[in-house]
Amino acid sequence: MKLKLDLHNIFSNTNAIDAALRGVMDEAIEKHAEYVEIIPGKGSGQLKKTVLRFLENSYKGRYSRIEKDDKNFGRIFVHFNWNKLR
């Protein structure tokens, strides 16, 4: 299972961003998703930094790695390795 979250529509609402990130990460953990694709968009990079900081502060240790897409600056993959995380 792969989940996707596009933050384009809520980029200026911090509470909505936090709620959306928490929702998709909790769903991924509950359903043992392979990865979550988060799209903060290209922009100035501030939203991407916010997403990375959120993941580091709120979910560190609950995912196996974060991948910043080399071909698309506005996309982040949060990978889970359920065999190692148990």
C-alpha atoms as a PDB file:
ATOM      1  CA  MET A   1       0.000   0.000   0.000  1.00  0.00           C
ATOM      2  CA  LYS A   2       1.214   3.463  -0.894  1.00  0.00           C
ATOM      3  CA  LEU A   3      -0.326   6.669   0.424  1.00  0.00           C
ATOM      4  CA  LYS A   4      -0.135  10.163  -1.041  1.00  0.00           C
ATOM      5  CA  LEU A   5      -0.642  13.610   0.494  1.00  0.00           C
ATOM      6  CA  ASP A   6      -0.698  16.774  -1.615  1.00  0.00           C
ATOM      7  CA  LEU A   7      -0.297  19.936   0.470  1.00  0.00           C
ATOM      8  CA  HIS A   8      -0.849  22.445  -2.339  1.00  0.00           C
ATOM      9  CA  ASN A   9      -4.382  23.365  -1.230  1.00  0.00           C
ATOM     10  CA  ILE A  10      -3.486  24.004   2.419  1.00  0.00           C
ATOM     11  CA  PHE A  11       0.043  25.425   2.124  1.00  0.00           C
ATOM     12  CA  SER A  12      -0.743  28.532   4.186  1.00  0.00           C
ATOM     13  CA  ASN A  13      -2.663  26.875   7.041  1.00  0.00           C
ATOM     14  CA  THR A  14      -0.232  25.486   9.633  1.00  0.00           C
ATOM     15  CA  ASN A  15      -2.912  23.682  11.659  1.00  0.00           C
ATOM     16  CA  ALA A  16      -4.332  22.001   8.546  1.00  0.00           C
ATOM     17  CA  ILE A  17      -0.830  20.953   7.451  1.00  0.00           C
ATOM     18  CA  ASP A  18      -0.075  19.395  10.836  1.00  0.00           C
ATOM     19  CA  ALA A  19      -3.447  17.608  10.882  1.00  0.00           C
ATOM     20  CA  ALA A  20      -3.004  16.288   7.329  1.00  0.00           C
ATOM     21  CA  LEU A  21       0.535  15.061   8.035  1.00  0.00           C
ATOM     22  CA  ARG A  22      -0.510  13.432  11.286  1.00  0.00           C
ATOM     23  CA  GLY A  23      -3.485  11.804   9.553  1.00  0.00           C
ATOM     24  CA  VAL A  24      -1.509  10.314   6.670  1.00  0.00           C
ATOM     25  CA  MET A  25       1.334   9.134   8.912  1.00  0.00           C
ATOM     26  CA  ASP A  26      -1.057   7.525  11.400  1.00  0.00           C
ATOM     27  CA  GLU A  27      -2.902   5.815   8.534  1.00  0.00           C
ATOM     28  CA  ALA A  28       0.411   4.565   7.088  1.00  0.00           C
ATOM     29  CA  ILE A  29       1.436   3.136  10.451  1.00  0.00           C
ATOM     30  CA  GLU A  30      -1.962   1.572  11.080  1.00  0.00           C
ATOM     31  CA  LYS A  31      -2.132  -0.038   7.628  1.00  0.00           C
ATOM     32  CA  HIS A  32       1.595  -0.843   7.340  1.00  0.00           C
ATOM     33  CA  ALA A  33       2.018   1.163   4.154  1.00  0.00           C
ATOM     34  CA  GLU A  34       5.144   0.692   2.056  1.00  0.00           C
ATOM     35  CA  TYR A  35       5.651   4.446   1.818  1.00  0.00           C
ATOM     36  CA  VAL A  36       3.945   7.829   1.922  1.00  0.00           C
ATOM     37  CA  GLU A  37       4.460  10.341  -0.873  1.00  0.00           C
ATOM     38  CA  ILE A  38       4.156  13.911   0.410  1.00  0.00           C
ATOM     39  CA  ILE A  39       3.946  16.763  -2.089  1.00  0.00           C
ATOM     40  CA  PRO A  40       4.744  20.126  -0.502  1.00  0.00           C
ATOM     41  CA  GLY A  41       5.382  21.657  -3.932  1.00  0.00           C
ATOM     42  CA  LYS A  42       8.437  23.450  -5.204  1.00  0.00           C
ATOM     43  CA  GLY A  43       7.892  27.060  -4.095  1.00  0.00           C
ATOM     44  CA  SER A  44      10.478  28.617  -1.782  1.00  0.00           C
ATOM     45  CA  GLY A  45      11.170  25.348   0.045  1.00  0.00           C
ATOM     46  CA  GLN A  46       9.702  26.528   3.362  1.00  0.00           C
ATOM     47  CA  LEU A  47       6.826  24.051   3.323  1.00  0.00           C
ATOM     48  CA  LYS A  48       9.243  21.218   2.532  1.00  0.00           C
ATOM     49  CA  LYS A  49      11.362  22.246   5.529  1.00  0.00           C
ATOM     50  CA  THR A  50       8.236  22.352   7.683  1.00  0.00           C
ATOM     51  CA  VAL A  51       7.288  18.823   6.591  1.00  0.00           C
ATOM     52  CA  LEU A  52      10.783  17.465   7.263  1.00  0.00           C
ATOM     53  CA  ARG A  53      10.906  19.136  10.687  1.00  0.00           C
ATOM     54  CA  PHE A  54       7.458  17.738  11.543  1.00  0.00           C
ATOM     55  CA  LEU A  55       8.505  14.208  10.590  1.00  0.00           C
ATOM     56  CA  GLU A  56      11.755  14.493  12.552  1.00  0.00           C
ATOM     57  CA  ASN A  57      10.062  15.865  15.661  1.00  0.00           C
ATOM     58  CA  SER A  58       6.832  13.854  15.696  1.00  0.00           C
ATOM     59  CA  TYR A  59       7.538  10.533  13.971  1.00  0.00           C
ATOM     60  CA  LYS A  60      11.262   9.808  14.215  1.00  0.00           C
ATOM     61  CA  GLY A  61      11.787   6.090  14.722  1.00  0.00           C
ATOM     62  CA  ARG A  62       8.400   5.224  13.253  1.00  0.00           C
ATOM     63  CA  TYR A  63       9.644   5.264   9.636  1.00  0.00           C
ATOM     64  CA  SER A  64      12.822   3.769   8.224  1.00  0.00           C
ATOM     65  CA  ARG A  65      13.995   6.622   5.983  1.00  0.00           C
ATOM     66  CA  ILE A  66      13.056   9.799   4.165  1.00  0.00           C
ATOM     67  CA  GLU A  67      13.876  10.240   0.504  1.00  0.00           C
ATOM     68  CA  LYS A  68      13.926  13.653  -1.155  1.00  0.00           C
ATOM     69  CA  ASP A  69      13.107  13.080  -4.830  1.00  0.00           C
ATOM     70  CA  ASP A  70      16.166  13.923  -6.958  1.00  0.00           C
ATOM     71  CA  LYS A  71      14.055  14.563 -10.043  1.00  0.00           C
ATOM     72  CA  ASN A  72      11.278  16.570  -8.392  1.00  0.00           C
ATOM     73  CA  PHE A  73      12.305  18.995  -5.624  1.00  0.00           C
ATOM     74  CA  GLY A  74       8.668  19.286  -4.476  1.00  0.00           C
ATOM     75  CA  ARG A  75       8.230  15.658  -3.439  1.00  0.00           C
ATOM     76  CA  ILE A  76       9.228  13.644  -0.353  1.00  0.00           C
ATOM     77  CA  PHE A  77       8.907   9.901   0.215  1.00  0.00           C
ATOM     78  CA  VAL A  78       8.641   8.501   3.735  1.00  0.00           C
ATOM     79  CA  HIS A  79       9.603   4.816   3.602  1.00  0.00           C
ATOM     80  CA  PHE A  80       8.676   2.144   6.122  1.00  0.00           C
ATOM     81  CA  ASN A  81      10.475  -1.153   6.658  1.00  0.00           C
ATOM     82  CA  TRP A  82       8.068  -3.025   8.881  1.00  0.00           C
ATOM     83  CA  ASN A  83      10.467  -5.927   9.491  1.00  0.00           C
ATOM     84  CA  LYS A  84      12.968  -3.558  11.126  1.00  0.00           C
ATOM     85  CA  LEU A  85      10.428  -1.343  12.886  1.00  0.00           C
ATOM     86  CA  ARG A  86       8.734  -4.099  14.897  1.00  0.00           C
END
